Amino acid sequence: MRTENLLNDVDAGVQQISANKCIDCGQRAEWILVVDSTGLDGTPELFIEQGFTSSCNVSPTKWVIIPNKCEVNSFFPIDDTQIVIEKSDLKGNFFRIRIEPNDNTTGIISATWSYKTFT
């Protein structure tokens, strides 16, 4: 299992995009994302995105949202409670998260991503 810090105490009042993380092409992956926040005065939106390329040496130009199937919208609302999202499959070879402040102006957000690949 590999663990990566995607966001570390970033400002929740502005858009944040994590670094692009590449998983070895052609491998199946299981993953878990843990998001912590504190001091929010609104409800930022978390988007989980995947990208598709022929190699880890080529960054995606288009990102596809992995939808929140529990909500009408594709995002996950952030509300000062820990969010844990697990997924047993990742189709793309790139992964990133995006935070949109929505109506939020204060607070901080951290996110950790752990994943395991299978050949």
C-alpha atoms as a PDB file:
ATOM      1  CA  MET A   1       0.000   0.000   0.000  1.00  0.00           C
ATOM      2  CA  ARG A   2       1.357   3.416  -0.986  1.00  0.00           C
ATOM      3  CA  THR A   3       0.287   6.625   0.752  1.00  0.00           C
ATOM      4  CA  GLU A   4       0.541  10.111  -0.730  1.00  0.00           C
ATOM      5  CA  ASN A   5      -0.236  13.472   0.835  1.00  0.00           C
ATOM      6  CA  LEU A   6      -2.335  15.237  -1.834  1.00  0.00           C
ATOM      7  CA  LEU A   7      -3.137  18.444   0.076  1.00  0.00           C
ATOM      8  CA  ASN A   8      -1.522  19.573   3.332  1.00  0.00           C
ATOM      9  CA  ASP A   9      -3.374  22.272   5.308  1.00  0.00           C
ATOM     10  CA  VAL A  10      -4.303  24.284   2.209  1.00  0.00           C
ATOM     11  CA  ASP A  11      -6.547  27.357   2.156  1.00  0.00           C
ATOM     12  CA  ALA A  12     -10.169  26.215   1.760  1.00  0.00           C
ATOM     13  CA  GLY A  13     -11.237  29.630   0.459  1.00  0.00           C
ATOM     14  CA  VAL A  14      -9.580  29.267  -2.967  1.00  0.00           C
ATOM     15  CA  GLN A  15      -9.562  26.568  -5.650  1.00  0.00           C
ATOM     16  CA  GLN A  16      -7.020  23.824  -4.921  1.00  0.00           C
ATOM     17  CA  ILE A  17      -5.843  21.133  -7.341  1.00  0.00           C
ATOM     18  CA  SER A  18      -3.565  18.367  -6.137  1.00  0.00           C
ATOM     19  CA  ALA A  19      -0.553  17.162  -8.077  1.00  0.00           C
ATOM     20  CA  ASN A  20      -1.268  14.568 -10.740  1.00  0.00           C
ATOM     21  CA  LYS A  21      -0.568  11.073  -9.432  1.00  0.00           C
ATOM     22  CA  CYS A  22       0.215   8.317 -11.917  1.00  0.00           C
ATOM     23  CA  ILE A  23      -0.481   4.653 -11.313  1.00  0.00           C
ATOM     24  CA  ASP A  24       1.479   2.162 -13.406  1.00  0.00           C
ATOM     25  CA  CYS A  25      -0.360   1.721 -16.683  1.00  0.00           C
ATOM     26  CA  GLY A  26      -2.332  -1.447 -17.135  1.00  0.00           C
ATOM     27  CA  GLN A  27      -2.686  -2.219 -13.442  1.00  0.00           C
ATOM     28  CA  ARG A  28      -5.887  -2.426 -11.428  1.00  0.00           C
ATOM     29  CA  ALA A  29      -5.901  -0.267  -8.297  1.00  0.00           C
ATOM     30  CA  GLU A  30      -7.856  -0.128  -5.049  1.00  0.00           C
ATOM     31  CA  TRP A  31      -7.723   3.162  -3.179  1.00  0.00           C
ATOM     32  CA  ILE A  32      -8.925   5.168  -0.194  1.00  0.00           C
ATOM     33  CA  LEU A  33      -9.039   8.957   0.109  1.00  0.00           C
ATOM     34  CA  VAL A  34      -9.202  10.662   3.528  1.00  0.00           C
ATOM     35  CA  VAL A  35     -10.083  14.366   3.672  1.00  0.00           C
ATOM     36  CA  ASP A  36      -9.895  16.419   6.875  1.00  0.00           C
ATOM     37  CA  SER A  37     -10.995  20.023   7.273  1.00  0.00           C
ATOM     38  CA  THR A  38     -11.337  22.580  10.028  1.00  0.00           C
ATOM     39  CA  GLY A  39     -12.599  26.151  10.402  1.00  0.00           C
ATOM     40  CA  LEU A  40     -14.902  26.177   7.386  1.00  0.00           C
ATOM     41  CA  ASP A  41     -17.643  28.818   7.121  1.00  0.00           C
ATOM     42  CA  GLY A  42     -19.276  27.235   4.067  1.00  0.00           C
ATOM     43  CA  THR A  43     -19.330  23.942   2.187  1.00  0.00           C
ATOM     44  CA  PRO A  44     -16.439  23.489  -0.262  1.00  0.00           C
ATOM     45  CA  GLU A  45     -16.865  20.898  -2.988  1.00  0.00           C
ATOM     46  CA  LEU A  46     -14.471  17.981  -3.519  1.00  0.00           C
ATOM     47  CA  PHE A  47     -14.121  16.585  -7.043  1.00  0.00           C
ATOM     48  CA  ILE A  48     -12.229  13.336  -7.624  1.00  0.00           C
ATOM     49  CA  GLU A  49     -10.831  13.137 -11.140  1.00  0.00           C
ATOM     50  CA  GLN A  50      -9.056  10.576 -13.294  1.00  0.00           C
ATOM     51  CA  GLY A  51      -7.112  11.003 -16.511  1.00  0.00           C
ATOM     52  CA  PHE A  52      -6.179   8.663 -19.327  1.00  0.00           C
ATOM     53  CA  THR A  53      -2.868   8.634 -21.223  1.00  0.00           C
ATOM     54  CA  SER A  54      -0.657   6.100 -22.932  1.00  0.00           C
ATOM     55  CA  SER A  55       2.123   6.488 -20.356  1.00  0.00           C
ATOM     56  CA  CYS A  56       3.037   8.070 -17.029  1.00  0.00           C
ATOM     57  CA  ASN A  57       5.387  10.338 -19.006  1.00  0.00           C
ATOM     58  CA  VAL A  58       2.421  12.051 -20.698  1.00  0.00           C
ATOM     59  CA  SER A  59       0.103  14.187 -18.556  1.00  0.00           C
ATOM     60  CA  PRO A  60      -3.633  14.068 -19.290  1.00  0.00           C
ATOM     61  CA  THR A  61      -5.190  16.987 -21.128  1.00  0.00           C
ATOM     62  CA  LYS A  62      -8.733  15.983 -20.150  1.00  0.00           C
ATOM     63  CA  TRP A  63      -9.908  14.951 -16.684  1.00  0.00           C
ATOM     64  CA  VAL A  64     -13.016  12.859 -15.987  1.00  0.00           C
ATOM     65  CA  ILE A  65     -14.873  13.231 -12.693  1.00  0.00           C
ATOM     66  CA  ILE A  66     -15.450  10.109 -10.609  1.00  0.00           C
ATOM     67  CA  PRO A  67     -19.003  10.905  -9.477  1.00  0.00           C
ATOM     68  CA  ASN A  68     -20.384  10.875  -5.962  1.00  0.00           C
ATOM     69  CA  LYS A  69     -23.203   8.381  -6.434  1.00  0.00           C
ATOM     70  CA  CYS A  70     -24.812   9.367  -3.119  1.00  0.00           C
ATOM     71  CA  GLU A  71     -25.498  12.938  -4.250  1.00  0.00           C
ATOM     72  CA  VAL A  72     -27.335  14.474  -7.203  1.00  0.00           C
ATOM     73  CA  ASN A  73     -24.170  16.367  -8.168  1.00  0.00           C
ATOM     74  CA  SER A  74     -20.799  14.792  -8.957  1.00  0.00           C
ATOM     75  CA  PHE A  75     -18.957  16.410  -6.041  1.00  0.00           C
ATOM     76  CA  PHE A  76     -18.495  15.467  -2.384  1.00  0.00           C
ATOM     77  CA  PRO A  77     -19.481  18.240   0.080  1.00  0.00           C
ATOM     78  CA  ILE A  78     -16.848  19.090   2.736  1.00  0.00           C
ATOM     79  CA  ASP A  79     -18.295  20.148   6.094  1.00  0.00           C
ATOM     80  CA  ASP A  80     -15.627  19.867   8.858  1.00  0.00           C
ATOM     81  CA  THR A  81     -16.255  16.148   9.359  1.00  0.00           C
ATOM     82  CA  GLN A  82     -13.713  13.639   8.107  1.00  0.00           C
ATOM     83  CA  ILE A  83     -14.551  12.209   4.695  1.00  0.00           C
ATOM     84  CA  VAL A  84     -13.371   8.713   3.799  1.00  0.00           C
ATOM     85  CA  ILE A  85     -13.967   7.505   0.248  1.00  0.00           C
ATOM     86  CA  GLU A  86     -13.033   4.002  -0.879  1.00  0.00           C
ATOM     87  CA  LYS A  87     -13.056   2.668  -4.401  1.00  0.00           C
ATOM     88  CA  SER A  88     -12.107  -0.748  -5.606  1.00  0.00           C
ATOM     89  CA  ASP A  89     -11.351   0.236  -9.164  1.00  0.00           C
ATOM     90  CA  LEU A  90      -9.647   3.052 -11.037  1.00  0.00           C
ATOM     91  CA  LYS A  91      -9.904   3.051 -14.819  1.00  0.00           C
ATOM     92  CA  GLY A  92      -7.503   5.905 -15.602  1.00  0.00           C
ATOM     93  CA  ASN A  93      -3.779   5.852 -15.010  1.00  0.00           C
ATOM     94  CA  PHE A  94      -3.788   9.349 -13.453  1.00  0.00           C
ATOM     95  CA  PHE A  95      -5.597  10.556 -10.306  1.00  0.00           C
ATOM     96  CA  ARG A  96      -6.055  13.981  -8.712  1.00  0.00           C
ATOM     97  CA  ILE A  97      -8.506  15.888  -6.537  1.00  0.00           C
ATOM     98  CA  ARG A  98      -9.906  19.379  -6.975  1.00  0.00           C
ATOM     99  CA  ILE A  99     -11.456  21.562  -4.270  1.00  0.00           C
ATOM    100  CA  GLU A 100     -13.839  24.356  -5.245  1.00  0.00           C
ATOM    101  CA  PRO A 101     -14.505  26.846  -2.431  1.00  0.00           C
ATOM    102  CA  ASN A 102     -18.214  27.234  -3.338  1.00  0.00           C
ATOM    103  CA  ASP A 103     -19.480  29.653  -0.637  1.00  0.00           C
ATOM    104  CA  ASN A 104     -16.559  29.048   1.745  1.00  0.00           C
ATOM    105  CA  THR A 105     -14.010  31.755   2.658  1.00  0.00           C
ATOM    106  CA  THR A 106     -12.040  30.320   5.622  1.00  0.00           C
ATOM    107  CA  GLY A 107     -10.521  27.115   6.958  1.00  0.00           C
ATOM    108  CA  ILE A 108      -7.977  24.526   5.910  1.00  0.00           C
ATOM    109  CA  ILE A 109      -8.168  21.163   4.160  1.00  0.00           C
ATOM    110  CA  SER A 110      -5.812  18.177   4.076  1.00  0.00           C
ATOM    111  CA  ALA A 111      -6.134  15.046   1.952  1.00  0.00           C
ATOM    112  CA  THR A 112      -4.277  11.732   1.976  1.00  0.00           C
ATOM    113  CA  TRP A 113      -4.573   9.076  -0.726  1.00  0.00           C
ATOM    114  CA  SER A 114      -3.541   5.450  -0.222  1.00  0.00           C
ATOM    115  CA  TYR A 115      -3.603   2.927  -3.023  1.00  0.00           C
ATOM    116  CA  LYS A 116      -2.592  -0.591  -3.910  1.00  0.00           C
ATOM    117  CA  THR A 117      -2.026  -1.887  -7.428  1.00  0.00           C
ATOM    118  CA  PHE A 118      -2.491  -5.392  -8.803  1.00  0.00           C
ATOM    119  CA  THR A 119      -0.981  -6.849 -11.961  1.00  0.00           C
END
